[in-house]
Amino acid sequence: MATALMIIFGVGVHCDEVLKGSKYRGSGHMFSITTWGFGIAVSLFIFGNVCINPAMVLAQCVLGNIAWSMFIPYSIAEVLGGIIGSIIVYIMYADQFKMSQGKVEPDAIRNIFSTAPGIRNLPRNFFVEFIATFIFIAAILAISEYKVAVMTPMEVGLLVWAIGMGLGGPTGFAMNLARDMGPRIAHAILPIKNKADSDWKYGILVPGIAPFLGGLCAALFMRSFFGM
């Protein structure tokens, strides 16, 4: 549910920014990144300091905070949340999607749901997502050490905002398999006319695999250097 709510905010803001008939069309990246940050904070406030990212689940398994037997079930639940959240947004913006048919490029419609690189260079795109996720997971683990639960959601939201502004330009800073793959699957199955290709090669390699490597390295780094 937490992942679905995050996606409702995140995919919703991209609908606002891209689709014809939206009151906030063309509002720009600052609008989108800020909404992602606050949306994640709201999700964490409501549902507690839960994992809404399979890369974080992996990091917590490495640190011994989550049983390895829960890694796959948690990750599947998060991807399902991404699908459900995206379908809810599609229903909310169905009139805008209809108005945008033939007037908004199919790639732009797909990118409402999933991330895409500004310049396609898969090795560099992979590196960007790895570094962004490494910083993201390591910083959240550091934030969690302060044990001030009421502040953690806002601190994570500010972290998302900062990473989006500083590192989001090359790839759109997915940092999360569920954030990208869930909406990407939803785009593939929803009745959107003249759809662009889902670009599974990019989706699996960059926002799919790179965040896991970043999360793994972040957990090992925090355990080695800070004794977590």
Protein backbone atom coordinates (compact mmCIF):
# COMPACT_ATOMS: atom_id res chain seq x y z
CA MET A 1 0.00 0.00 0.00
CA ALA A 2 2.85 2.38 0.76
CA THR A 3 4.43 1.76 -2.64
CA ALA A 4 1.07 2.24 -4.36
CA LEU A 5 0.57 5.57 -2.59
CA MET A 6 4.08 6.71 -3.56
CA ILE A 7 3.29 5.86 -7.20
CA ILE A 8 -0.06 7.65 -7.08
CA PHE A 9 1.81 10.83 -6.19
CA GLY A 10 4.71 10.21 -8.58
CA VAL A 11 2.94 8.99 -11.71
CA GLY A 12 0.16 11.45 -10.95
CA VAL A 13 2.50 14.42 -11.05
CA HIS A 14 3.89 13.28 -14.40
CA CYS A 15 0.32 13.10 -15.74
CA ASP A 16 -0.14 16.65 -14.47
CA GLU A 17 3.02 17.79 -16.22
CA VAL A 18 2.62 15.96 -19.57
CA LEU A 19 -1.03 15.37 -20.48
CA LYS A 20 -3.27 17.79 -22.33
CA GLY A 21 -6.21 18.93 -20.26
CA SER A 22 -4.25 18.95 -17.02
CA LYS A 23 -4.34 22.27 -15.18
CA TYR A 24 -0.61 21.97 -14.42
CA ARG A 25 0.67 20.92 -17.85
CA GLY A 26 4.21 22.08 -18.52
CA SER A 27 4.95 22.80 -14.87
CA GLY A 28 8.47 21.39 -15.16
CA HIS A 29 10.94 19.18 -13.34
CA MET A 30 10.97 21.19 -10.10
CA PHE A 31 7.23 20.54 -9.72
CA SER A 32 7.68 16.82 -10.42
CA ILE A 33 10.72 16.21 -8.22
CA THR A 34 9.22 18.10 -5.29
CA THR A 35 6.03 16.04 -5.54
CA TRP A 36 8.02 12.80 -5.59
CA GLY A 37 9.87 13.87 -2.45
CA PHE A 38 6.76 14.92 -0.54
CA GLY A 39 4.79 11.91 -1.82
CA ILE A 40 7.39 9.50 -0.46
CA ALA A 41 7.40 11.39 2.84
CA VAL A 42 3.60 11.12 3.09
CA SER A 43 3.72 7.38 2.35
CA LEU A 44 6.28 6.86 5.10
CA PHE A 45 4.30 9.00 7.57
CA ILE A 46 1.15 6.95 7.00
CA PHE A 47 2.60 3.46 6.87
CA GLY A 48 5.61 3.90 9.12
CA ASN A 49 9.25 3.54 8.16
CA VAL A 50 8.54 0.62 5.82
CA CYS A 51 10.53 -0.56 2.83
CA ILE A 52 8.96 0.69 -0.39
CA ASN A 53 12.00 -0.23 -2.44
CA PRO A 54 13.39 -3.72 -3.18
CA ALA A 55 16.92 -2.27 -3.06
CA MET A 56 16.28 -1.23 0.55
CA VAL A 57 14.85 -4.68 1.30
CA LEU A 58 18.11 -6.17 0.00
CA ALA A 59 20.15 -3.76 2.14
CA GLN A 60 18.13 -4.63 5.24
CA CYS A 61 18.57 -8.35 4.54
CA VAL A 62 22.34 -7.86 4.29
CA LEU A 63 22.31 -5.97 7.62
CA GLY A 64 20.23 -8.68 9.28
CA ASN A 65 17.15 -6.54 9.89
CA ILE A 66 14.89 -8.50 7.50
CA ALA A 67 14.97 -12.27 7.02
CA TRP A 68 16.27 -13.37 3.63
CA SER A 69 13.13 -15.46 3.21
CA MET A 70 11.15 -12.20 2.98
CA PHE A 71 13.26 -10.62 0.23
CA ILE A 72 11.26 -11.99 -2.71
CA PRO A 73 7.78 -11.62 -1.11
CA TYR A 74 8.48 -8.00 -0.10
CA SER A 75 9.86 -7.17 -3.54
CA ILE A 76 6.87 -8.74 -5.32
CA ALA A 77 4.46 -6.84 -3.05
CA GLU A 78 6.23 -3.57 -3.87
CA VAL A 79 6.09 -4.17 -7.63
CA LEU A 80 2.39 -5.03 -7.31
CA GLY A 81 1.93 -1.76 -5.43
CA GLY A 82 3.55 0.04 -8.33
CA ILE A 83 1.15 -1.59 -10.78
CA ILE A 84 -1.93 -0.86 -8.67
CA GLY A 85 -0.93 2.74 -8.01
CA SER A 86 -0.40 3.32 -11.74
CA ILE A 87 -3.77 1.85 -12.65
CA ILE A 88 -5.46 4.12 -10.09
CA VAL A 89 -3.74 7.15 -11.64
CA TYR A 90 -4.75 6.06 -15.15
CA ILE A 91 -8.40 5.91 -14.07
CA MET A 92 -8.13 9.35 -12.46
CA TYR A 93 -6.59 10.87 -15.61
CA ALA A 94 -8.52 8.84 -18.21
CA ASP A 95 -10.03 11.97 -19.79
CA GLN A 96 -6.60 13.59 -20.07
CA PHE A 97 -5.13 10.44 -21.62
CA LYS A 98 -7.95 10.43 -24.16
CA MET A 99 -7.45 14.13 -24.95
CA SER A 100 -3.72 13.54 -25.43
CA GLN A 101 -4.10 10.78 -28.06
CA GLY A 102 -2.24 11.87 -31.18
CA LYS A 103 -1.20 15.13 -29.52
CA VAL A 104 1.44 13.88 -27.08
CA GLU A 105 4.28 11.67 -28.28
CA PRO A 106 3.94 7.97 -27.34
CA ASP A 107 7.39 8.03 -25.71
CA ALA A 108 6.29 10.91 -23.50
CA ILE A 109 3.21 8.92 -22.46
CA ARG A 110 5.37 5.91 -21.58
CA ASN A 111 7.72 8.13 -19.61
CA ILE A 112 4.82 9.23 -17.43
CA PHE A 113 4.97 5.73 -16.00
CA SER A 114 8.61 4.70 -16.20
CA THR A 115 12.02 6.31 -16.36
CA ALA A 116 14.09 6.85 -19.50
CA PRO A 117 17.56 8.27 -20.10
CA GLY A 118 18.13 11.75 -21.44
CA ILE A 119 20.96 10.29 -23.54
CA ARG A 120 20.87 6.54 -24.07
CA ASN A 121 24.24 5.11 -23.07
CA LEU A 122 23.47 1.92 -21.16
CA PRO A 123 26.81 1.49 -19.33
CA ARG A 124 26.76 5.12 -18.17
CA ASN A 125 23.03 5.00 -17.42
CA PHE A 126 23.70 1.92 -15.28
CA PHE A 127 26.51 3.73 -13.45
CA VAL A 128 24.27 6.74 -12.76
CA GLU A 129 21.52 4.58 -11.26
CA PHE A 130 24.08 2.63 -9.23
CA ILE A 131 25.64 5.78 -7.74
CA ALA A 132 22.28 7.45 -7.09
CA THR A 133 20.94 4.34 -5.35
CA PHE A 134 24.15 3.89 -3.35
CA ILE A 135 23.87 7.45 -2.02
CA PHE A 136 20.12 7.06 -1.47
CA ILE A 137 20.27 3.82 0.53
CA ALA A 138 23.39 4.76 2.48
CA ALA A 139 21.87 8.11 3.43
CA ILE A 140 18.59 6.53 4.57
CA LEU A 141 20.51 4.04 6.70
CA ALA A 142 22.42 6.95 8.25
CA ILE A 143 19.21 8.91 8.85
CA SER A 144 17.63 5.89 10.53
CA GLU A 145 20.43 5.79 13.09
CA TYR A 146 19.11 8.98 14.70
CA LYS A 147 16.00 7.04 15.80
CA VAL A 148 13.73 10.10 15.52
CA ALA A 149 10.86 8.33 13.80
CA VAL A 150 8.71 11.43 13.33
CA MET A 151 11.48 13.16 11.39
CA THR A 152 12.60 10.26 9.22
CA PRO A 153 9.88 10.57 6.53
CA MET A 154 10.61 14.27 5.95
CA GLU A 155 14.35 13.64 5.92
CA VAL A 156 13.91 10.90 3.32
CA GLY A 157 11.66 13.20 1.29
CA LEU A 158 14.33 15.93 1.34
CA LEU A 159 16.91 13.33 0.35
CA VAL A 160 14.79 12.32 -2.67
CA TRP A 161 14.40 15.99 -3.58
CA ALA A 162 18.17 16.59 -3.41
CA ILE A 163 19.08 13.48 -5.39
CA GLY A 164 16.47 14.30 -8.00
CA MET A 165 17.79 17.81 -8.44
CA GLY A 166 21.46 16.86 -8.40
CA LEU A 167 21.56 13.44 -10.05
CA GLY A 168 18.21 12.99 -11.79
CA GLY A 169 19.01 14.52 -15.17
CA PRO A 170 20.74 11.56 -16.88
CA THR A 171 18.20 8.80 -16.11
CA GLY A 172 15.28 10.19 -14.10
CA PHE A 173 16.64 8.66 -10.84
CA ALA A 174 14.48 5.54 -10.46
CA MET A 175 16.65 3.99 -7.69
CA ASN A 176 13.86 1.47 -7.19
CA LEU A 177 12.75 -1.57 -9.19
CA ALA A 178 9.17 -1.21 -7.91
CA ARG A 179 9.01 2.48 -8.85
CA ASP A 180 9.97 1.72 -12.45
CA MET A 181 8.93 -1.85 -13.18
CA GLY A 182 5.47 -1.66 -11.60
CA PRO A 183 4.39 1.38 -13.64
CA ARG A 184 6.18 0.03 -16.74
CA ILE A 185 4.09 -3.16 -16.50
CA ALA A 186 0.96 -1.07 -15.95
CA HIS A 187 1.72 0.95 -19.10
CA ALA A 188 2.08 -2.30 -21.05
CA ILE A 189 -1.29 -3.68 -19.95
CA LEU A 190 -3.43 -0.53 -19.83
CA PRO A 191 -5.68 0.28 -22.83
CA ILE A 192 -3.60 3.22 -24.03
CA LYS A 193 -3.81 3.68 -27.80
CA ASN A 194 -0.71 3.95 -30.02
CA LYS A 195 1.61 2.96 -27.19
CA ALA A 196 5.38 3.21 -27.47
CA ASP A 197 7.49 0.11 -26.94
CA SER A 198 7.95 -0.66 -23.24
CA ASP A 199 11.77 -0.73 -23.63
CA TRP A 200 12.23 -3.77 -21.40
CA LYS A 201 15.96 -3.93 -22.15
CA TYR A 202 16.51 -0.57 -20.48
CA GLY A 203 13.93 -1.23 -17.77
CA ILE A 204 15.48 -4.51 -16.66
CA LEU A 205 19.13 -3.47 -16.92
CA VAL A 206 19.20 0.09 -15.58
CA PRO A 207 16.33 0.75 -13.13
CA GLY A 208 15.99 -3.01 -12.60
CA ILE A 209 19.47 -4.32 -11.77
CA ALA A 210 21.54 -1.22 -10.96
CA PRO A 211 19.53 -0.27 -7.81
CA PHE A 212 20.11 -3.73 -6.34
CA LEU A 213 23.86 -3.37 -6.81
CA GLY A 214 23.73 0.14 -5.32
CA GLY A 215 21.70 -1.06 -2.34
CA LEU A 216 24.02 -4.01 -1.75
CA CYS A 217 27.13 -1.82 -1.84
CA ALA A 218 25.48 0.77 0.43
CA ALA A 219 24.69 -1.88 3.05
CA LEU A 220 28.23 -3.28 2.92
CA PHE A 221 29.69 0.23 3.11
CA MET A 222 27.59 1.24 6.13
CA ARG A 223 28.36 -2.01 7.91
CA SER A 224 32.10 -1.80 7.19
CA PHE A 225 32.66 1.90 7.95
CA PHE A 226 29.92 2.64 10.52
CA GLY A 227 29.40 -0.74 12.14
CA MET A 228 25.71 -1.10 11.27
